[in-house]
Amino acid sequence: MVNHVDERIVMLKEEKLEKRIQMGLSGWGDHDKLYDEGARAADKLEMYSRHFPIVEMDNSFYAIPSAEQMSKWAAAVPDHFGFIVKAYQGMTGHARGQGKDRYPNVKMMFEHLLASVEELRLAGKLRAVLFQYPPWFGCERKHVEILKRTREWMKDVPVALEFRHQSWYAPEYREKTMELMRSEGWIHSIADEPQAGIGSVPVVLETSDTGAVMIRMHGRNAEGWHSSGQPNWREVRYLYRYSLEELNQWKGWIEELLEKSEQCWIIFNNNSGGDASDNAKQLLRLLGMDSGPEPLRQMNWLDEDIFTDK
């Protein structure tokens, strides 16, 4: 006999979790397992949105999209869908050399980005702008001032903050770092990444905002982590597949974080080998949530006769 009460409890729990936990991937164009066979590039965002309710927009790191383009992307996804926009590289100190000359000054970069993300905000689909600072951005007074200026220039747009220099989380600075985020209004982006020296940070299970906390799953490929600048760095840096044991550990950590923040956004960035979507769906299942549909594939007419009565 079916216990409809138990089924309803499970459904209510899943609905509540879907409002509090939003799982997604970095970018929407390189996850072949999510698309229908023969998918056009222009259709990939819509197909991605069938599987996940949130995405990290990574192309904005290389060039700030036009407001018109943002409006088109907002129209391609459901009402509940959200974008985390990665800040342009010139705004975080990554752009050196040619990329630095695209704008006459830093303030203009911010003005351009604000105009761009306004289209997402008007559509109710902007979750935050992510500022990921480089490994050479250490815990120094001049960098604290940059963070304060950045927060001021972003006005009332939600912003998330991720460090790559471990000095921010050194025992003598860790609480001050978290207090800076809280007082300035930053959402903490927790990084899961290889522990590979000064250019990586530990997992710091702290929240800075009662509304949201962010987690970015970069993989744990220590050997490939410092491959930036190499011709094949994209192929090796994020080449990692999380084990069920590692994902189960994160399940417990996510539950802890939800005691302090209303929402948790989780982005898988371990896609050098195409593992991001699989790992994200595995974690969804571990959390008791819907892991999304299977993409449409062309039927093999030789293997299956659909006209035969069985």
C-alpha atoms as a PDB file:
ATOM      1  CA  MET A   1       0.000   0.000   0.000  1.00  0.00           C
ATOM      2  CA  VAL A   2       1.361   3.417  -0.981  1.00  0.00           C
ATOM      3  CA  ASN A   3       1.853   5.770   1.930  1.00  0.00           C
ATOM      4  CA  HIS A   4       0.757   9.086   0.444  1.00  0.00           C
ATOM      5  CA  VAL A   5       1.649  10.971   3.632  1.00  0.00           C
ATOM      6  CA  ASP A   6       5.287   9.851   3.391  1.00  0.00           C
ATOM      7  CA  GLU A   7       5.354  10.738  -0.313  1.00  0.00           C
ATOM      8  CA  ARG A   8       4.043  14.214   0.456  1.00  0.00           C
ATOM      9  CA  ILE A   9       6.667  14.734   3.165  1.00  0.00           C
ATOM     10  CA  VAL A  10       9.408  13.768   0.709  1.00  0.00           C
ATOM     11  CA  MET A  11       7.985  16.148  -1.916  1.00  0.00           C
ATOM     12  CA  LEU A  12       7.780  19.026   0.552  1.00  0.00           C
ATOM     13  CA  LYS A  13      11.350  18.410   1.695  1.00  0.00           C
ATOM     14  CA  GLU A  14      12.559  18.406  -1.925  1.00  0.00           C
ATOM     15  CA  GLU A  15      10.655  21.605  -2.736  1.00  0.00           C
ATOM     16  CA  LYS A  16      12.156  23.328   0.298  1.00  0.00           C
ATOM     17  CA  LEU A  17      15.675  22.203  -0.612  1.00  0.00           C
ATOM     18  CA  GLU A  18      15.268  23.429  -4.194  1.00  0.00           C
ATOM     19  CA  LYS A  19      14.563  26.907  -2.854  1.00  0.00           C
ATOM     20  CA  ARG A  20      17.626  26.822  -0.602  1.00  0.00           C
ATOM     21  CA  ILE A  21      20.175  24.837  -2.642  1.00  0.00           C
ATOM     22  CA  GLN A  22      20.948  25.842  -6.216  1.00  0.00           C
ATOM     23  CA  MET A  23      23.412  23.610  -8.054  1.00  0.00           C
ATOM     24  CA  GLY A  24      25.048  24.550 -11.332  1.00  0.00           C
ATOM     25  CA  LEU A  25      28.166  24.619 -13.475  1.00  0.00           C
ATOM     26  CA  SER A  26      30.724  27.104 -14.705  1.00  0.00           C
ATOM     27  CA  GLY A  27      29.619  28.123 -18.196  1.00  0.00           C
ATOM     28  CA  TRP A  28      26.863  26.541 -20.244  1.00  0.00           C
ATOM     29  CA  GLY A  29      28.564  25.796 -23.562  1.00  0.00           C
ATOM     30  CA  ASP A  30      30.985  22.953 -22.777  1.00  0.00           C
ATOM     31  CA  HIS A  31      28.881  20.294 -21.074  1.00  0.00           C
ATOM     32  CA  ASP A  32      28.084  17.851 -23.880  1.00  0.00           C
ATOM     33  CA  LYS A  33      26.190  15.406 -21.659  1.00  0.00           C
ATOM     34  CA  LEU A  34      23.425  17.973 -21.123  1.00  0.00           C
ATOM     35  CA  TYR A  35      22.492  18.771 -24.711  1.00  0.00           C
ATOM     36  CA  ASP A  36      20.148  17.085 -27.139  1.00  0.00           C
ATOM     37  CA  GLU A  37      21.921  15.451 -30.044  1.00  0.00           C
ATOM     38  CA  GLY A  38      22.733  17.951 -32.783  1.00  0.00           C
ATOM     39  CA  ALA A  39      22.258  20.946 -30.491  1.00  0.00           C
ATOM     40  CA  ARG A  40      23.229  24.332 -31.887  1.00  0.00           C
ATOM     41  CA  ALA A  41      25.433  26.630 -29.814  1.00  0.00           C
ATOM     42  CA  ALA A  42      22.555  29.116 -29.609  1.00  0.00           C
ATOM     43  CA  ASP A  43      20.330  26.497 -27.946  1.00  0.00           C
ATOM     44  CA  LYS A  44      22.757  25.290 -25.286  1.00  0.00           C
ATOM     45  CA  LEU A  45      21.789  27.774 -22.558  1.00  0.00           C
ATOM     46  CA  GLU A  46      18.121  26.798 -22.776  1.00  0.00           C
ATOM     47  CA  MET A  47      19.062  23.098 -22.719  1.00  0.00           C
ATOM     48  CA  TYR A  48      21.382  23.675 -19.777  1.00  0.00           C
ATOM     49  CA  SER A  49      18.521  25.341 -17.864  1.00  0.00           C
ATOM     50  CA  ARG A  50      16.491  22.113 -18.045  1.00  0.00           C
ATOM     51  CA  HIS A  51      19.071  20.517 -15.752  1.00  0.00           C
ATOM     52  CA  PHE A  52      20.265  23.244 -13.392  1.00  0.00           C
ATOM     53  CA  PRO A  53      18.673  26.413 -11.947  1.00  0.00           C
ATOM     54  CA  ILE A  54      21.853  28.476 -11.819  1.00  0.00           C
ATOM     55  CA  VAL A  55      25.000  29.036 -13.879  1.00  0.00           C
ATOM     56  CA  GLU A  56      28.280  30.864 -13.482  1.00  0.00           C
ATOM     57  CA  MET A  57      28.742  33.110 -16.505  1.00  0.00           C
ATOM     58  CA  ASP A  58      32.461  32.790 -17.208  1.00  0.00           C
ATOM     59  CA  ASN A  59      32.674  34.525 -20.599  1.00  0.00           C
ATOM     60  CA  SER A  60      32.190  37.859 -18.805  1.00  0.00           C
ATOM     61  CA  PHE A  61      35.668  37.377 -17.318  1.00  0.00           C
ATOM     62  CA  TYR A  62      37.199  37.833 -20.780  1.00  0.00           C
ATOM     63  CA  ALA A  63      34.871  40.537 -22.128  1.00  0.00           C
ATOM     64  CA  ILE A  64      31.889  42.307 -20.585  1.00  0.00           C
ATOM     65  CA  PRO A  65      28.782  41.303 -22.562  1.00  0.00           C
ATOM     66  CA  SER A  66      26.560  44.004 -23.999  1.00  0.00           C
ATOM     67  CA  ALA A  67      23.273  44.791 -22.297  1.00  0.00           C
ATOM     68  CA  GLU A  68      21.484  43.493 -25.404  1.00  0.00           C
ATOM     69  CA  GLN A  69      23.245  40.138 -25.140  1.00  0.00           C
ATOM     70  CA  MET A  70      22.421  39.865 -21.452  1.00  0.00           C
ATOM     71  CA  SER A  71      18.774  40.521 -22.265  1.00  0.00           C
ATOM     72  CA  LYS A  72      18.775  37.680 -24.816  1.00  0.00           C
ATOM     73  CA  TRP A  73      20.299  35.256 -22.326  1.00  0.00           C
ATOM     74  CA  ALA A  74      17.774  36.258 -19.675  1.00  0.00           C
ATOM     75  CA  ALA A  75      14.940  35.562 -22.127  1.00  0.00           C
ATOM     76  CA  ALA A  76      16.312  32.095 -22.953  1.00  0.00           C
ATOM     77  CA  VAL A  77      15.865  30.649 -19.450  1.00  0.00           C
ATOM     78  CA  PRO A  78      12.930  30.048 -17.067  1.00  0.00           C
ATOM     79  CA  ASP A  79      11.782  32.666 -14.570  1.00  0.00           C
ATOM     80  CA  HIS A  80      13.370  30.856 -11.613  1.00  0.00           C
ATOM     81  CA  PHE A  81      16.811  30.642 -13.260  1.00  0.00           C
ATOM     82  CA  GLY A  82      19.762  32.645 -11.936  1.00  0.00           C
ATOM     83  CA  PHE A  83      23.120  33.904 -13.232  1.00  0.00           C
ATOM     84  CA  ILE A  84      26.314  34.408 -11.257  1.00  0.00           C
ATOM     85  CA  VAL A  85      28.363  36.770 -13.414  1.00  0.00           C
ATOM     86  CA  LYS A  86      32.136  36.494 -13.124  1.00  0.00           C
ATOM     87  CA  ALA A  87      33.699  39.949 -12.937  1.00  0.00           C
ATOM     88  CA  TYR A  88      35.799  41.102 -15.868  1.00  0.00           C
ATOM     89  CA  GLN A  89      39.500  40.279 -15.463  1.00  0.00           C
ATOM     90  CA  GLY A  90      40.549  43.938 -15.491  1.00  0.00           C
ATOM     91  CA  MET A  91      38.471  44.523 -12.365  1.00  0.00           C
ATOM     92  CA  THR A  92      40.307  41.873 -10.348  1.00  0.00           C
ATOM     93  CA  GLY A  93      43.862  42.526 -11.517  1.00  0.00           C
ATOM     94  CA  HIS A  94      44.125  39.510 -13.816  1.00  0.00           C
ATOM     95  CA  ALA A  95      44.385  41.559 -17.018  1.00  0.00           C
ATOM     96  CA  ARG A  96      47.956  42.540 -17.675  1.00  0.00           C
ATOM     97  CA  GLY A  97      49.381  43.775 -20.951  1.00  0.00           C
ATOM     98  CA  GLN A  98      46.945  43.924 -23.884  1.00  0.00           C
ATOM     99  CA  GLY A  99      43.783  43.173 -21.915  1.00  0.00           C
ATOM    100  CA  LYS A 100      44.429  46.092 -19.605  1.00  0.00           C
ATOM    101  CA  ASP A 101      44.066  48.646 -22.399  1.00  0.00           C
ATOM    102  CA  ARG A 102      40.485  47.828 -23.381  1.00  0.00           C
ATOM    103  CA  TYR A 103      39.136  50.556 -21.084  1.00  0.00           C
ATOM    104  CA  PRO A 104      40.680  53.989 -20.403  1.00  0.00           C
ATOM    105  CA  ASN A 105      40.343  53.497 -16.634  1.00  0.00           C
ATOM    106  CA  VAL A 106      39.151  50.982 -14.056  1.00  0.00           C
ATOM    107  CA  LYS A 107      36.044  52.974 -13.100  1.00  0.00           C
ATOM    108  CA  MET A 108      34.742  52.686 -16.660  1.00  0.00           C
ATOM    109  CA  MET A 109      34.980  48.893 -16.435  1.00  0.00           C
ATOM    110  CA  PHE A 110      32.666  48.981 -13.432  1.00  0.00           C
ATOM    111  CA  GLU A 111      30.211  51.303 -15.156  1.00  0.00           C
ATOM    112  CA  HIS A 112      30.114  49.042 -18.200  1.00  0.00           C
ATOM    113  CA  LEU A 113      29.565  45.933 -16.072  1.00  0.00           C
ATOM    114  CA  LEU A 114      26.814  47.571 -14.029  1.00  0.00           C
ATOM    115  CA  ALA A 115      24.953  48.535 -17.208  1.00  0.00           C
ATOM    116  CA  SER A 116      25.380  44.992 -18.491  1.00  0.00           C
ATOM    117  CA  VAL A 117      24.100  43.124 -15.413  1.00  0.00           C
ATOM    118  CA  GLU A 118      21.199  45.539 -14.998  1.00  0.00           C
ATOM    119  CA  GLU A 119      19.380  43.595 -17.713  1.00  0.00           C
ATOM    120  CA  LEU A 120      19.642  40.415 -15.640  1.00  0.00           C
ATOM    121  CA  ARG A 121      18.563  42.237 -12.512  1.00  0.00           C
ATOM    122  CA  LEU A 122      15.497  43.709 -14.203  1.00  0.00           C
ATOM    123  CA  ALA A 123      14.550  40.175 -15.246  1.00  0.00           C
ATOM    124  CA  GLY A 124      14.992  38.928 -11.663  1.00  0.00           C
ATOM    125  CA  LYS A 125      17.774  36.574 -12.765  1.00  0.00           C
ATOM    126  CA  LEU A 126      20.938  38.110 -11.313  1.00  0.00           C
ATOM    127  CA  ARG A 127      22.180  36.256  -8.243  1.00  0.00           C
ATOM    128  CA  ALA A 128      25.554  37.960  -7.804  1.00  0.00           C
ATOM    129  CA  VAL A 129      28.701  39.234  -9.484  1.00  0.00           C
ATOM    130  CA  LEU A 130      31.673  37.071  -8.512  1.00  0.00           C
ATOM    131  CA  PHE A 131      35.037  38.708  -7.868  1.00  0.00           C
ATOM    132  CA  GLN A 132      37.728  36.035  -7.894  1.00  0.00           C
ATOM    133  CA  TYR A 133      41.082  37.601  -7.093  1.00  0.00           C
ATOM    134  CA  PRO A 134      44.389  36.176  -8.397  1.00  0.00           C
ATOM    135  CA  PRO A 135      47.057  34.238  -6.464  1.00  0.00           C
ATOM    136  CA  TRP A 136      49.197  37.377  -6.142  1.00  0.00           C
ATOM    137  CA  PHE A 137      46.406  39.321  -4.398  1.00  0.00           C
ATOM    138  CA  GLY A 138      47.547  38.781  -0.811  1.00  0.00           C
ATOM    139  CA  CYS A 139      46.246  40.072   2.498  1.00  0.00           C
ATOM    140  CA  GLU A 140      47.711  43.589   2.446  1.00  0.00           C
ATOM    141  CA  ARG A 141      46.333  46.983   3.384  1.00  0.00           C
ATOM    142  CA  LYS A 142      46.363  48.224  -0.233  1.00  0.00           C
ATOM    143  CA  HIS A 143      44.311  45.196  -1.280  1.00  0.00           C
ATOM    144  CA  VAL A 144      41.825  45.744   1.541  1.00  0.00           C
ATOM    145  CA  GLU A 145      41.340  49.253   0.165  1.00  0.00           C
ATOM    146  CA  ILE A 146      40.767  47.820  -3.312  1.00  0.00           C
ATOM    147  CA  LEU A 147      38.063  45.531  -1.896  1.00  0.00           C
ATOM    148  CA  LYS A 148      36.349  48.448  -0.174  1.00  0.00           C
ATOM    149  CA  ARG A 149      36.489  50.552  -3.334  1.00  0.00           C
ATOM    150  CA  THR A 150      35.163  47.659  -5.405  1.00  0.00           C
ATOM    151  CA  ARG A 151      32.222  47.157  -3.065  1.00  0.00           C
ATOM    152  CA  GLU A 152      31.431  50.862  -3.212  1.00  0.00           C
ATOM    153  CA  TRP A 153      31.591  50.991  -7.008  1.00  0.00           C
ATOM    154  CA  MET A 154      29.278  47.962  -7.331  1.00  0.00           C
ATOM    155  CA  LYS A 155      26.576  49.949  -5.517  1.00  0.00           C
ATOM    156  CA  ASP A 156      23.699  47.707  -4.383  1.00  0.00           C
ATOM    157  CA  VAL A 157      24.482  44.793  -6.716  1.00  0.00           C
ATOM    158  CA  PRO A 158      25.077  41.536  -4.769  1.00  0.00           C
ATOM    159  CA  VAL A 159      28.755  40.568  -4.904  1.00  0.00           C
ATOM    160  CA  ALA A 160      30.595  37.359  -4.031  1.00  0.00           C
ATOM    161  CA  LEU A 161      34.273  37.205  -3.099  1.00  0.00           C
ATOM    162  CA  GLU A 162      36.819  34.430  -3.652  1.00  0.00           C
ATOM    163  CA  PHE A 163      40.509  34.539  -2.801  1.00  0.00           C
ATOM    164  CA  ARG A 164      43.376  32.504  -4.244  1.00  0.00           C
ATOM    165  CA  HIS A 165      46.102  33.703  -1.854  1.00  0.00           C
ATOM    166  CA  GLN A 166      46.017  31.729   1.385  1.00  0.00           C
ATOM    167  CA  SER A 167      47.226  34.650   3.530  1.00  0.00           C
ATOM    168  CA  TRP A 168      43.606  35.834   3.832  1.00  0.00           C
ATOM    169  CA  TYR A 169      42.830  32.693   5.814  1.00  0.00           C
ATOM    170  CA  ALA A 170      46.018  32.524   7.884  1.00  0.00           C
ATOM    171  CA  PRO A 171      45.190  32.058  11.601  1.00  0.00           C
ATOM    172  CA  GLU A 172      46.053  35.664  12.438  1.00  0.00           C
ATOM    173  CA  TYR A 173      43.888  37.108   9.607  1.00  0.00           C
ATOM    174  CA  ARG A 174      41.043  34.666   9.065  1.00  0.00           C
ATOM    175  CA  GLU A 175      38.507  36.237  11.427  1.00  0.00           C
ATOM    176  CA  LYS A 176      39.420  39.734  10.228  1.00  0.00           C
ATOM    177  CA  THR A 177      38.886  38.578   6.643  1.00  0.00           C
ATOM    178  CA  MET A 178      35.438  37.235   7.462  1.00  0.00           C
ATOM    179  CA  GLU A 179      34.560  40.377   9.401  1.00  0.00           C
ATOM    180  CA  LEU A 180      35.635  42.492   6.417  1.00  0.00           C
ATOM    181  CA  MET A 181      33.267  40.523   4.185  1.00  0.00           C
ATOM    182  CA  ARG A 182      30.399  40.896   6.657  1.00  0.00           C
ATOM    183  CA  SER A 183      30.880  44.609   7.259  1.00  0.00           C
ATOM    184  CA  GLU A 184      31.333  45.455   3.567  1.00  0.00           C
ATOM    185  CA  GLY A 185      28.503  43.228   2.316  1.00  0.00           C
ATOM    186  CA  TRP A 186      30.343  40.448   0.454  1.00  0.00           C
ATOM    187  CA  ILE A 187      28.988  36.932  -0.064  1.00  0.00           C
ATOM    188  CA  HIS A 188      31.708  34.425   0.818  1.00  0.00           C
ATOM    189  CA  SER A 189      32.688  32.131  -2.048  1.00  0.00           C
ATOM    190  CA  ILE A 190      34.179  28.978  -0.527  1.00  0.00           C
ATOM    191  CA  ALA A 191      36.705  27.252  -2.773  1.00  0.00           C
ATOM    192  CA  ASP A 192      37.295  23.518  -2.942  1.00  0.00           C
ATOM    193  CA  GLU A 193      40.639  23.267  -4.707  1.00  0.00           C
ATOM    194  CA  PRO A 194      43.984  21.454  -4.512  1.00  0.00           C
ATOM    195  CA  GLN A 195      46.156  22.275  -1.544  1.00  0.00           C
ATOM    196  CA  ALA A 196      49.117  23.202  -3.708  1.00  0.00           C
ATOM    197  CA  GLY A 197      51.011  25.920  -1.908  1.00  0.00           C
ATOM    198  CA  ILE A 198      50.552  29.659  -1.619  1.00  0.00           C
ATOM    199  CA  GLY A 199      48.386  29.923  -4.743  1.00  0.00           C
ATOM    200  CA  SER A 200      45.546  27.919  -3.231  1.00  0.00           C
ATOM    201  CA  VAL A 201      43.274  28.360  -0.231  1.00  0.00           C
ATOM    202  CA  PRO A 202      41.827  25.880   2.265  1.00  0.00           C
ATOM    203  CA  VAL A 203      38.142  25.056   2.550  1.00  0.00           C
ATOM    204  CA  VAL A 204      36.818  27.676   4.973  1.00  0.00           C
ATOM    205  CA  LEU A 205      33.304  26.777   6.097  1.00  0.00           C
ATOM    206  CA  GLU A 206      32.312  30.296   7.107  1.00  0.00           C
ATOM    207  CA  THR A 207      29.433  32.433   5.912  1.00  0.00           C
ATOM    208  CA  SER A 208      29.448  36.214   5.680  1.00  0.00           C
ATOM    209  CA  ASP A 209      25.861  36.824   4.595  1.00  0.00           C
ATOM    210  CA  THR A 210      22.640  35.425   6.052  1.00  0.00           C
ATOM    211  CA  GLY A 211      21.052  35.461   2.607  1.00  0.00           C
ATOM    212  CA  ALA A 212      23.520  33.331   0.656  1.00  0.00           C
ATOM    213  CA  VAL A 213      26.823  31.492   0.629  1.00  0.00           C
ATOM    214  CA  MET A 214      28.635  30.252  -2.471  1.00  0.00           C
ATOM    215  CA  ILE A 215      30.762  27.151  -3.077  1.00  0.00           C
ATOM    216  CA  ARG A 216      32.989  26.633  -6.117  1.00  0.00           C
ATOM    217  CA  MET A 217      34.207  23.106  -6.793  1.00  0.00           C
ATOM    218  CA  HIS A 218      37.456  23.395  -8.749  1.00  0.00           C
ATOM    219  CA  GLY A 219      38.620  19.793  -8.320  1.00  0.00           C
ATOM    220  CA  ARG A 220      41.712  18.597  -6.485  1.00  0.00           C
ATOM    221  CA  ASN A 221      44.267  18.111  -9.234  1.00  0.00           C
ATOM    222  CA  ALA A 222      47.343  19.352  -7.368  1.00  0.00           C
ATOM    223  CA  GLU A 223      49.716  18.504 -10.212  1.00  0.00           C
ATOM    224  CA  GLY A 224      47.800  20.558 -12.769  1.00  0.00           C
ATOM    225  CA  TRP A 225      46.825  23.466 -10.508  1.00  0.00           C
ATOM    226  CA  HIS A 226      49.834  25.620 -11.365  1.00  0.00           C
ATOM    227  CA  SER A 227      49.568  25.043 -15.114  1.00  0.00           C
ATOM    228  CA  SER A 228      48.290  28.566 -15.928  1.00  0.00           C
ATOM    229  CA  GLY A 229      50.316  30.006 -18.785  1.00  0.00           C
ATOM    230  CA  GLN A 230      50.945  26.598 -20.303  1.00  0.00           C
ATOM    231  CA  PRO A 231      49.403  25.918 -23.751  1.00  0.00           C
ATOM    232  CA  ASN A 232      47.216  23.077 -22.403  1.00  0.00           C
ATOM    233  CA  TRP A 233      46.288  24.569 -19.032  1.00  0.00           C
ATOM    234  CA  ARG A 234      42.558  24.320 -19.688  1.00  0.00           C
ATOM    235  CA  GLU A 235      42.933  20.594 -20.319  1.00  0.00           C
ATOM    236  CA  VAL A 236      44.729  19.814 -17.073  1.00  0.00           C
ATOM    237  CA  ARG A 237      44.009  22.389 -14.373  1.00  0.00           C
ATOM    238  CA  TYR A 238      40.433  21.303 -13.715  1.00  0.00           C
ATOM    239  CA  LEU A 239      40.902  17.659 -14.691  1.00  0.00           C
ATOM    240  CA  TYR A 240      39.356  15.937 -11.694  1.00  0.00           C
ATOM    241  CA  ARG A 241      36.353  13.799 -10.806  1.00  0.00           C
ATOM    242  CA  TYR A 242      35.089  13.960  -7.239  1.00  0.00           C
ATOM    243  CA  SER A 243      34.522  10.624  -5.512  1.00  0.00           C
ATOM    244  CA  LEU A 244      31.273   9.759  -3.752  1.00  0.00           C
ATOM    245  CA  GLU A 245      33.145   9.940  -0.460  1.00  0.00           C
ATOM    246  CA  GLU A 246      34.245  13.511  -1.213  1.00  0.00           C
ATOM    247  CA  LEU A 247      30.744  14.517  -2.314  1.00  0.00           C
ATOM    248  CA  ASN A 248      29.230  12.961   0.800  1.00  0.00           C
ATOM    249  CA  GLN A 249      31.558  15.070   2.900  1.00  0.00           C
ATOM    250  CA  TRP A 250      30.292  18.142   1.071  1.00  0.00           C
ATOM    251  CA  LYS A 251      26.704  17.063   1.671  1.00  0.00           C
ATOM    252  CA  GLY A 252      27.339  17.369   5.402  1.00  0.00           C
ATOM    253  CA  TRP A 253      29.148  20.674   5.020  1.00  0.00           C
ATOM    254  CA  ILE A 254      26.329  22.142   2.927  1.00  0.00           C
ATOM    255  CA  GLU A 255      23.829  21.200   5.612  1.00  0.00           C
ATOM    256  CA  GLU A 256      26.014  23.000   8.169  1.00  0.00           C
ATOM    257  CA  LEU A 257      26.238  26.120   6.003  1.00  0.00           C
ATOM    258  CA  LEU A 258      22.457  26.216   5.583  1.00  0.00           C
ATOM    259  CA  GLU A 259      22.168  26.709   9.329  1.00  0.00           C
ATOM    260  CA  LYS A 260      23.788  30.132   8.824  1.00  0.00           C
ATOM    261  CA  SER A 261      22.637  31.208   5.345  1.00  0.00           C
ATOM    262  CA  GLU A 262      19.249  30.921   3.680  1.00  0.00           C
ATOM    263  CA  GLN A 263      20.622  29.850   0.286  1.00  0.00           C
ATOM    264  CA  CYS A 264      23.647  27.911  -0.900  1.00  0.00           C
ATOM    265  CA  TRP A 265      24.864  28.230  -4.496  1.00  0.00           C
ATOM    266  CA  ILE A 266      27.170  25.417  -5.619  1.00  0.00           C
ATOM    267  CA  ILE A 267      29.139  25.693  -8.861  1.00  0.00           C
ATOM    268  CA  PHE A 268      31.160  22.799 -10.296  1.00  0.00           C
ATOM    269  CA  ASN A 269      34.173  24.004 -12.283  1.00  0.00           C
ATOM    270  CA  ASN A 270      35.982  20.656 -12.706  1.00  0.00           C
ATOM    271  CA  ASN A 271      35.248  20.303 -16.392  1.00  0.00           C
ATOM    272  CA  SER A 272      38.588  19.693 -18.103  1.00  0.00           C
ATOM    273  CA  GLY A 273      37.482  16.063 -18.503  1.00  0.00           C
ATOM    274  CA  GLY A 274      33.729  16.696 -18.683  1.00  0.00           C
ATOM    275  CA  ASP A 275      33.113  15.651 -15.064  1.00  0.00           C
ATOM    276  CA  ALA A 276      31.334  18.753 -13.761  1.00  0.00           C
ATOM    277  CA  SER A 277      27.772  17.840 -14.756  1.00  0.00           C
ATOM    278  CA  ASP A 278      28.102  14.254 -13.509  1.00  0.00           C
ATOM    279  CA  ASN A 279      29.450  15.356 -10.137  1.00  0.00           C
ATOM    280  CA  ALA A 280      26.771  18.033  -9.756  1.00  0.00           C
ATOM    281  CA  LYS A 281      24.009  15.516 -10.421  1.00  0.00           C
ATOM    282  CA  GLN A 282      25.603  13.025  -8.033  1.00  0.00           C
ATOM    283  CA  LEU A 283      25.585  15.626  -5.268  1.00  0.00           C
ATOM    284  CA  LEU A 284      21.960  16.506  -6.033  1.00  0.00           C
ATOM    285  CA  ARG A 285      21.003  12.855  -5.587  1.00  0.00           C
ATOM    286  CA  LEU A 286      22.960  12.612  -2.342  1.00  0.00           C
ATOM    287  CA  LEU A 287      21.000  15.621  -1.082  1.00  0.00           C
ATOM    288  CA  GLY A 288      17.729  13.938  -2.075  1.00  0.00           C
ATOM    289  CA  MET A 289      17.018  16.405  -4.872  1.00  0.00           C
ATOM    290  CA  ASP A 290      15.915  16.035  -8.497  1.00  0.00           C
ATOM    291  CA  SER A 291      18.970  15.519 -10.714  1.00  0.00           C
ATOM    292  CA  GLY A 292      17.239  16.591 -13.928  1.00  0.00           C
ATOM    293  CA  PRO A 293      16.173  14.891 -17.180  1.00  0.00           C
ATOM    294  CA  GLU A 294      18.177  12.887 -19.666  1.00  0.00           C
ATOM    295  CA  PRO A 295      18.973  14.771 -22.897  1.00  0.00           C
ATOM    296  CA  LEU A 296      17.292  13.609 -26.093  1.00  0.00           C
ATOM    297  CA  ARG A 297      19.462  11.297 -28.181  1.00  0.00           C
ATOM    298  CA  GLN A 298      18.824   9.989 -31.658  1.00  0.00           C
ATOM    299  CA  MET A 299      17.203   6.564 -31.463  1.00  0.00           C
ATOM    300  CA  ASN A 300      19.167   3.674 -32.884  1.00  0.00           C
ATOM    301  CA  TRP A 301      16.541   2.108 -35.152  1.00  0.00           C
ATOM    302  CA  LEU A 302      18.605  -1.050 -35.624  1.00  0.00           C
ATOM    303  CA  ASP A 303      18.825  -1.806 -31.912  1.00  0.00           C
ATOM    304  CA  GLU A 304      15.196  -1.258 -30.998  1.00  0.00           C
ATOM    305  CA  ASP A 305      12.011  -1.823 -32.962  1.00  0.00           C
ATOM    306  CA  ILE A 306       9.507   0.581 -31.419  1.00  0.00           C
ATOM    307  CA  PHE A 307       6.708  -0.716 -33.643  1.00  0.00           C
ATOM    308  CA  THR A 308       6.740  -4.192 -32.125  1.00  0.00           C
ATOM    309  CA  ASP A 309       4.050  -4.898 -29.530  1.00  0.00           C
ATOM    310  CA  LYS A 310       5.471  -6.304 -26.316  1.00  0.00           C
END
